Amino acid sequence: MSGRNKEGIGKKLFFPILFIILVFFILSFIILSFIKIDAIFIKSYFNGNIKKIEYLKDKDRFGIVYTHSVEKSQTSEWYEARDGKLILMEQRYRDQGAGLPVNLIYKFKYAEDGSFCLYDMNVPFDTVVYRTGAVIANHKFVINGKATPFLEFSEPREALEFSTKHISLLQYALRRCQIEQ
């Protein structure tokens, strides 16, 4: 085959291949816009800038783990996302004292690790706000088995608002790209 024939075949295939690629991307965007997921949004409370966004699988929990400012022991709060709300499901703490639960209006147990646990709480919130602890608390966001210190995505003492939204996979991907820039 001469060089001229190869060049002609290449030109003939260019537009059909380009068309196929274009159709693939358009269909991908359409499909991704219809698949809905629950996402946890962490925003600066005062200016609304999104600091972190994470996908939350159905019925999975995420936690906020920190050192209690008075008792100086580990405390954690565990949430689920349901119907656009954050549902406080469980609180764990190691000591009893100032600022820790004393009225047992929720189910209570001693956990295997020696901590106290309030569970089946089912308390709904539209949003919850935590302030990034920089000296004692050292807050960590725990999701899908991974703990991320608040200081990796926020400033010391910054107020962070947690919320959940049911969004498309496409919106999730675009917002993740915005945060990483």
C-alpha atoms as a PDB file:
ATOM      1  CA  MET A   1       0.000   0.000   0.000  1.00  0.00           C
ATOM      2  CA  SER A   2       1.396   3.369  -0.921  1.00  0.00           C
ATOM      3  CA  GLY A   3       1.867   6.204   1.555  1.00  0.00           C
ATOM      4  CA  ARG A   4      -0.889   8.136  -0.158  1.00  0.00           C
ATOM      5  CA  ASN A   5      -3.479   5.343   0.438  1.00  0.00           C
ATOM      6  CA  LYS A   6      -2.508   5.055   4.130  1.00  0.00           C
ATOM      7  CA  GLU A   7      -2.959   8.792   4.517  1.00  0.00           C
ATOM      8  CA  GLY A   8      -6.384   8.627   2.845  1.00  0.00           C
ATOM      9  CA  ILE A   9      -7.550   5.806   5.155  1.00  0.00           C
ATOM     10  CA  GLY A  10      -6.364   7.791   8.190  1.00  0.00           C
ATOM     11  CA  LYS A  11      -8.359  10.827   7.088  1.00  0.00           C
ATOM     12  CA  LYS A  12     -11.438   8.679   6.435  1.00  0.00           C
ATOM     13  CA  LEU A  13     -11.262   7.101   9.921  1.00  0.00           C
ATOM     14  CA  PHE A  14     -10.517  10.322  11.815  1.00  0.00           C
ATOM     15  CA  PHE A  15     -14.063  11.735  11.837  1.00  0.00           C
ATOM     16  CA  PRO A  16     -15.888   8.448  12.630  1.00  0.00           C
ATOM     17  CA  ILE A  17     -13.459   7.792  15.500  1.00  0.00           C
ATOM     18  CA  LEU A  18     -13.857  11.370  16.736  1.00  0.00           C
ATOM     19  CA  PHE A  19     -17.655  10.968  16.541  1.00  0.00           C
ATOM     20  CA  ILE A  20     -17.537   7.701  18.543  1.00  0.00           C
ATOM     21  CA  ILE A  21     -15.368   9.314  21.229  1.00  0.00           C
ATOM     22  CA  LEU A  22     -17.702  12.312  21.418  1.00  0.00           C
ATOM     23  CA  VAL A  23     -20.792  10.084  21.735  1.00  0.00           C
ATOM     24  CA  PHE A  24     -19.013   8.052  24.457  1.00  0.00           C
ATOM     25  CA  PHE A  25     -18.298  11.189  26.507  1.00  0.00           C
ATOM     26  CA  ILE A  26     -21.823  12.546  26.083  1.00  0.00           C
ATOM     27  CA  LEU A  27     -23.372   9.224  27.151  1.00  0.00           C
ATOM     28  CA  SER A  28     -20.994   9.023  30.114  1.00  0.00           C
ATOM     29  CA  PHE A  29     -22.035  12.482  31.293  1.00  0.00           C
ATOM     30  CA  ILE A  30     -25.716  11.599  30.909  1.00  0.00           C
ATOM     31  CA  ILE A  31     -25.341   8.344  32.839  1.00  0.00           C
ATOM     32  CA  LEU A  32     -23.285   9.990  35.605  1.00  0.00           C
ATOM     33  CA  SER A  33     -25.916  12.703  35.981  1.00  0.00           C
ATOM     34  CA  PHE A  34     -28.647  10.126  36.692  1.00  0.00           C
ATOM     35  CA  ILE A  35     -26.767   8.016  39.260  1.00  0.00           C
ATOM     36  CA  LYS A  36     -27.496   9.531  42.695  1.00  0.00           C
ATOM     37  CA  ILE A  37     -25.345   9.184  45.818  1.00  0.00           C
ATOM     38  CA  ASP A  38     -25.239  10.579  49.349  1.00  0.00           C
ATOM     39  CA  ALA A  39     -22.306  12.894  49.955  1.00  0.00           C
ATOM     40  CA  ILE A  40     -21.018  14.517  53.112  1.00  0.00           C
ATOM     41  CA  PHE A  41     -20.191  18.187  52.621  1.00  0.00           C
ATOM     42  CA  ILE A  42     -17.808  19.932  54.993  1.00  0.00           C
ATOM     43  CA  LYS A  43     -17.891  23.708  54.537  1.00  0.00           C
ATOM     44  CA  SER A  44     -16.446  26.697  56.308  1.00  0.00           C
ATOM     45  CA  TYR A  45     -19.307  27.833  58.537  1.00  0.00           C
ATOM     46  CA  PHE A  46     -18.623  31.539  57.975  1.00  0.00           C
ATOM     47  CA  ASN A  47     -17.838  31.808  54.263  1.00  0.00           C
ATOM     48  CA  GLY A  48     -19.436  28.625  52.871  1.00  0.00           C
ATOM     49  CA  ASN A  49     -16.300  27.410  51.056  1.00  0.00           C
ATOM     50  CA  ILE A  50     -16.390  23.655  50.588  1.00  0.00           C
ATOM     51  CA  LYS A  51     -13.419  22.157  52.422  1.00  0.00           C
ATOM     52  CA  LYS A  52     -14.094  18.469  51.800  1.00  0.00           C
ATOM     53  CA  ILE A  53     -16.702  16.272  50.162  1.00  0.00           C
ATOM     54  CA  GLU A  54     -16.929  12.511  50.632  1.00  0.00           C
ATOM     55  CA  TYR A  55     -19.151   9.789  49.214  1.00  0.00           C
ATOM     56  CA  LEU A  56     -21.085   7.870  51.862  1.00  0.00           C
ATOM     57  CA  LYS A  57     -22.351   4.423  50.979  1.00  0.00           C
ATOM     58  CA  ASP A  58     -25.883   3.482  52.010  1.00  0.00           C
ATOM     59  CA  LYS A  59     -26.134   2.827  55.775  1.00  0.00           C
ATOM     60  CA  ASP A  60     -22.414   3.522  56.285  1.00  0.00           C
ATOM     61  CA  ARG A  61     -21.423   5.759  59.150  1.00  0.00           C
ATOM     62  CA  PHE A  62     -18.912   8.503  59.476  1.00  0.00           C
ATOM     63  CA  GLY A  63     -17.461   9.710  62.726  1.00  0.00           C
ATOM     64  CA  ILE A  64     -15.892  12.676  64.404  1.00  0.00           C
ATOM     65  CA  VAL A  65     -13.204  11.550  66.850  1.00  0.00           C
ATOM     66  CA  TYR A  66     -11.543  14.007  69.219  1.00  0.00           C
ATOM     67  CA  THR A  67      -9.979  14.472  72.630  1.00  0.00           C
ATOM     68  CA  HIS A  68     -12.502  15.897  75.089  1.00  0.00           C
ATOM     69  CA  SER A  69     -11.383  19.335  76.285  1.00  0.00           C
ATOM     70  CA  VAL A  70     -12.136  18.732  79.981  1.00  0.00           C
ATOM     71  CA  GLU A  71     -11.640  14.997  80.483  1.00  0.00           C
ATOM     72  CA  LYS A  72      -8.689  14.811  78.047  1.00  0.00           C
ATOM     73  CA  SER A  73      -9.870  11.423  76.809  1.00  0.00           C
ATOM     74  CA  GLN A  74     -11.090  10.210  73.423  1.00  0.00           C
ATOM     75  CA  THR A  75     -14.683  10.929  72.493  1.00  0.00           C
ATOM     76  CA  SER A  76     -16.459  10.105  69.245  1.00  0.00           C
ATOM     77  CA  GLU A  77     -19.782  10.762  67.575  1.00  0.00           C
ATOM     78  CA  TRP A  78     -21.070   8.607  64.720  1.00  0.00           C
ATOM     79  CA  TYR A  79     -23.567   9.672  62.066  1.00  0.00           C
ATOM     80  CA  GLU A  80     -25.518   8.239  59.153  1.00  0.00           C
ATOM     81  CA  ALA A  81     -26.924  10.211  56.226  1.00  0.00           C
ATOM     82  CA  ARG A  82     -30.650   9.706  55.611  1.00  0.00           C
ATOM     83  CA  ASP A  83     -33.183  11.730  53.663  1.00  0.00           C
ATOM     84  CA  GLY A  84     -30.951  14.797  53.527  1.00  0.00           C
ATOM     85  CA  LYS A  85     -30.289  14.765  57.272  1.00  0.00           C
ATOM     86  CA  LEU A  86     -27.382  13.770  59.457  1.00  0.00           C
ATOM     87  CA  ILE A  87     -28.555  11.237  62.012  1.00  0.00           C
ATOM     88  CA  LEU A  88     -26.529  11.012  65.221  1.00  0.00           C
ATOM     89  CA  MET A  89     -26.456   7.281  65.880  1.00  0.00           C
ATOM     90  CA  GLU A  90     -23.857   6.766  68.590  1.00  0.00           C
ATOM     91  CA  GLN A  91     -21.576   8.539  71.059  1.00  0.00           C
ATOM     92  CA  ARG A  92     -18.571   6.918  72.681  1.00  0.00           C
ATOM     93  CA  TYR A  93     -16.507   8.302  75.524  1.00  0.00           C
ATOM     94  CA  ARG A  94     -13.905   6.918  77.916  1.00  0.00           C
ATOM     95  CA  ASP A  95     -14.582   8.905  81.088  1.00  0.00           C
ATOM     96  CA  GLN A  96     -17.494  10.382  82.927  1.00  0.00           C
ATOM     97  CA  GLY A  97     -17.383  13.984  83.993  1.00  0.00           C
ATOM     98  CA  ALA A  98     -18.008  17.563  82.965  1.00  0.00           C
ATOM     99  CA  GLY A  99     -19.606  17.937  79.561  1.00  0.00           C
ATOM    100  CA  LEU A 100     -20.337  14.231  79.104  1.00  0.00           C
ATOM    101  CA  PRO A 101     -23.775  12.555  79.196  1.00  0.00           C
ATOM    102  CA  VAL A 102     -25.276  11.856  82.607  1.00  0.00           C
ATOM    103  CA  ASN A 103     -28.944  11.239  81.761  1.00  0.00           C
ATOM    104  CA  LEU A 104     -29.415   7.917  80.054  1.00  0.00           C
ATOM    105  CA  ILE A 105     -32.254   8.724  77.686  1.00  0.00           C
ATOM    106  CA  TYR A 106     -30.624   6.521  75.002  1.00  0.00           C
ATOM    107  CA  LYS A 107     -29.539   2.911  75.049  1.00  0.00           C
ATOM    108  CA  PHE A 108     -26.286   2.460  76.940  1.00  0.00           C
ATOM    109  CA  LYS A 109     -23.574  -0.192  77.003  1.00  0.00           C
ATOM    110  CA  TYR A 110     -19.985  -0.707  78.014  1.00  0.00           C
ATOM    111  CA  ALA A 111     -18.021  -1.387  74.862  1.00  0.00           C
ATOM    112  CA  GLU A 112     -15.365  -4.089  74.562  1.00  0.00           C
ATOM    113  CA  ASP A 113     -12.632  -1.442  74.450  1.00  0.00           C
ATOM    114  CA  GLY A 114     -13.687  -0.142  77.890  1.00  0.00           C
ATOM    115  CA  SER A 115     -15.510   2.927  76.628  1.00  0.00           C
ATOM    116  CA  PHE A 116     -19.056   3.998  77.403  1.00  0.00           C
ATOM    117  CA  CYS A 117     -21.442   3.939  74.468  1.00  0.00           C
ATOM    118  CA  LEU A 118     -24.797   5.579  73.856  1.00  0.00           C
ATOM    119  CA  TYR A 119     -26.377   3.954  70.806  1.00  0.00           C
ATOM    120  CA  ASP A 120     -29.564   3.838  68.704  1.00  0.00           C
ATOM    121  CA  MET A 121     -29.829   7.560  69.313  1.00  0.00           C
ATOM    122  CA  ASN A 122     -31.416   8.456  65.931  1.00  0.00           C
ATOM    123  CA  VAL A 123     -31.206  12.226  66.501  1.00  0.00           C
ATOM    124  CA  PRO A 124     -31.643  14.120  63.195  1.00  0.00           C
ATOM    125  CA  PHE A 125     -29.758  17.307  62.295  1.00  0.00           C
ATOM    126  CA  ASP A 126     -29.839  19.416  59.150  1.00  0.00           C
ATOM    127  CA  THR A 127     -26.238  20.394  59.881  1.00  0.00           C
ATOM    128  CA  VAL A 128     -23.709  19.968  62.673  1.00  0.00           C
ATOM    129  CA  VAL A 129     -20.868  22.367  63.403  1.00  0.00           C
ATOM    130  CA  TYR A 130     -17.475  21.465  64.851  1.00  0.00           C
ATOM    131  CA  ARG A 131     -14.583  23.807  65.438  1.00  0.00           C
ATOM    132  CA  THR A 132     -11.160  22.515  64.410  1.00  0.00           C
ATOM    133  CA  GLY A 133      -9.240  21.788  67.577  1.00  0.00           C
ATOM    134  CA  ALA A 134      -5.611  22.766  67.276  1.00  0.00           C
ATOM    135  CA  VAL A 135      -4.249  22.198  70.774  1.00  0.00           C
ATOM    136  CA  ILE A 136      -6.154  19.492  72.652  1.00  0.00           C
ATOM    137  CA  ALA A 137      -9.041  18.140  70.595  1.00  0.00           C
ATOM    138  CA  ASN A 138      -7.207  17.196  67.392  1.00  0.00           C
ATOM    139  CA  HIS A 139     -10.481  16.380  65.624  1.00  0.00           C
ATOM    140  CA  LYS A 140     -10.462  13.624  63.023  1.00  0.00           C
ATOM    141  CA  PHE A 141     -13.036  12.880  60.335  1.00  0.00           C
ATOM    142  CA  VAL A 142     -13.441   9.109  59.997  1.00  0.00           C
ATOM    143  CA  ILE A 143     -15.109   7.606  56.926  1.00  0.00           C
ATOM    144  CA  ASN A 144     -14.723   4.234  55.229  1.00  0.00           C
ATOM    145  CA  GLY A 145     -12.064   3.222  57.766  1.00  0.00           C
ATOM    146  CA  LYS A 146      -9.849   6.236  57.060  1.00  0.00           C
ATOM    147  CA  ALA A 147      -9.201   8.952  59.662  1.00  0.00           C
ATOM    148  CA  THR A 148      -8.302  12.413  58.369  1.00  0.00           C
ATOM    149  CA  PRO A 149      -7.306  15.154  60.828  1.00  0.00           C
ATOM    150  CA  PHE A 150      -9.396  18.317  60.418  1.00  0.00           C
ATOM    151  CA  LEU A 151      -6.128  20.271  60.164  1.00  0.00           C
ATOM    152  CA  GLU A 152      -5.496  18.619  56.774  1.00  0.00           C
ATOM    153  CA  PHE A 153      -8.458  20.460  55.261  1.00  0.00           C
ATOM    154  CA  SER A 154      -9.118  23.398  57.608  1.00  0.00           C
ATOM    155  CA  GLU A 155      -7.398  26.007  59.753  1.00  0.00           C
ATOM    156  CA  PRO A 156      -6.980  25.850  63.557  1.00  0.00           C
ATOM    157  CA  ARG A 157     -10.177  26.884  65.371  1.00  0.00           C
ATOM    158  CA  GLU A 158     -12.107  27.148  62.074  1.00  0.00           C
ATOM    159  CA  ALA A 159     -15.835  26.427  62.381  1.00  0.00           C
ATOM    160  CA  LEU A 160     -16.855  23.622  60.018  1.00  0.00           C
ATOM    161  CA  GLU A 161     -20.414  22.828  59.005  1.00  0.00           C
ATOM    162  CA  PHE A 162     -21.234  19.213  58.117  1.00  0.00           C
ATOM    163  CA  SER A 163     -24.261  18.417  55.974  1.00  0.00           C
ATOM    164  CA  THR A 164     -25.421  15.771  53.537  1.00  0.00           C
ATOM    165  CA  LYS A 165     -26.945  15.986  50.087  1.00  0.00           C
ATOM    166  CA  HIS A 166     -28.296  13.450  47.631  1.00  0.00           C
ATOM    167  CA  ILE A 167     -26.461  14.464  44.435  1.00  0.00           C
ATOM    168  CA  SER A 168     -25.544  12.990  41.087  1.00  0.00           C
ATOM    169  CA  LEU A 169     -22.253  11.213  40.621  1.00  0.00           C
ATOM    170  CA  LEU A 170     -21.384  13.869  38.044  1.00  0.00           C
ATOM    171  CA  GLN A 171     -21.944  16.695  40.566  1.00  0.00           C
ATOM    172  CA  TYR A 172     -19.836  14.801  43.103  1.00  0.00           C
ATOM    173  CA  ALA A 173     -16.952  14.376  40.649  1.00  0.00           C
ATOM    174  CA  LEU A 174     -17.064  18.027  39.580  1.00  0.00           C
ATOM    175  CA  ARG A 175     -17.095  19.301  43.170  1.00  0.00           C
ATOM    176  CA  ARG A 176     -14.212  17.006  44.124  1.00  0.00           C
ATOM    177  CA  CYS A 177     -12.233  18.456  41.217  1.00  0.00           C
ATOM    178  CA  GLN A 178     -12.981  22.014  42.404  1.00  0.00           C
ATOM    179  CA  ILE A 179     -11.719  21.266  45.928  1.00  0.00           C
ATOM    180  CA  GLU A 180      -8.505  19.646  44.717  1.00  0.00           C
ATOM    181  CA  GLN A 181      -7.527  22.668  42.606  1.00  0.00           C
END
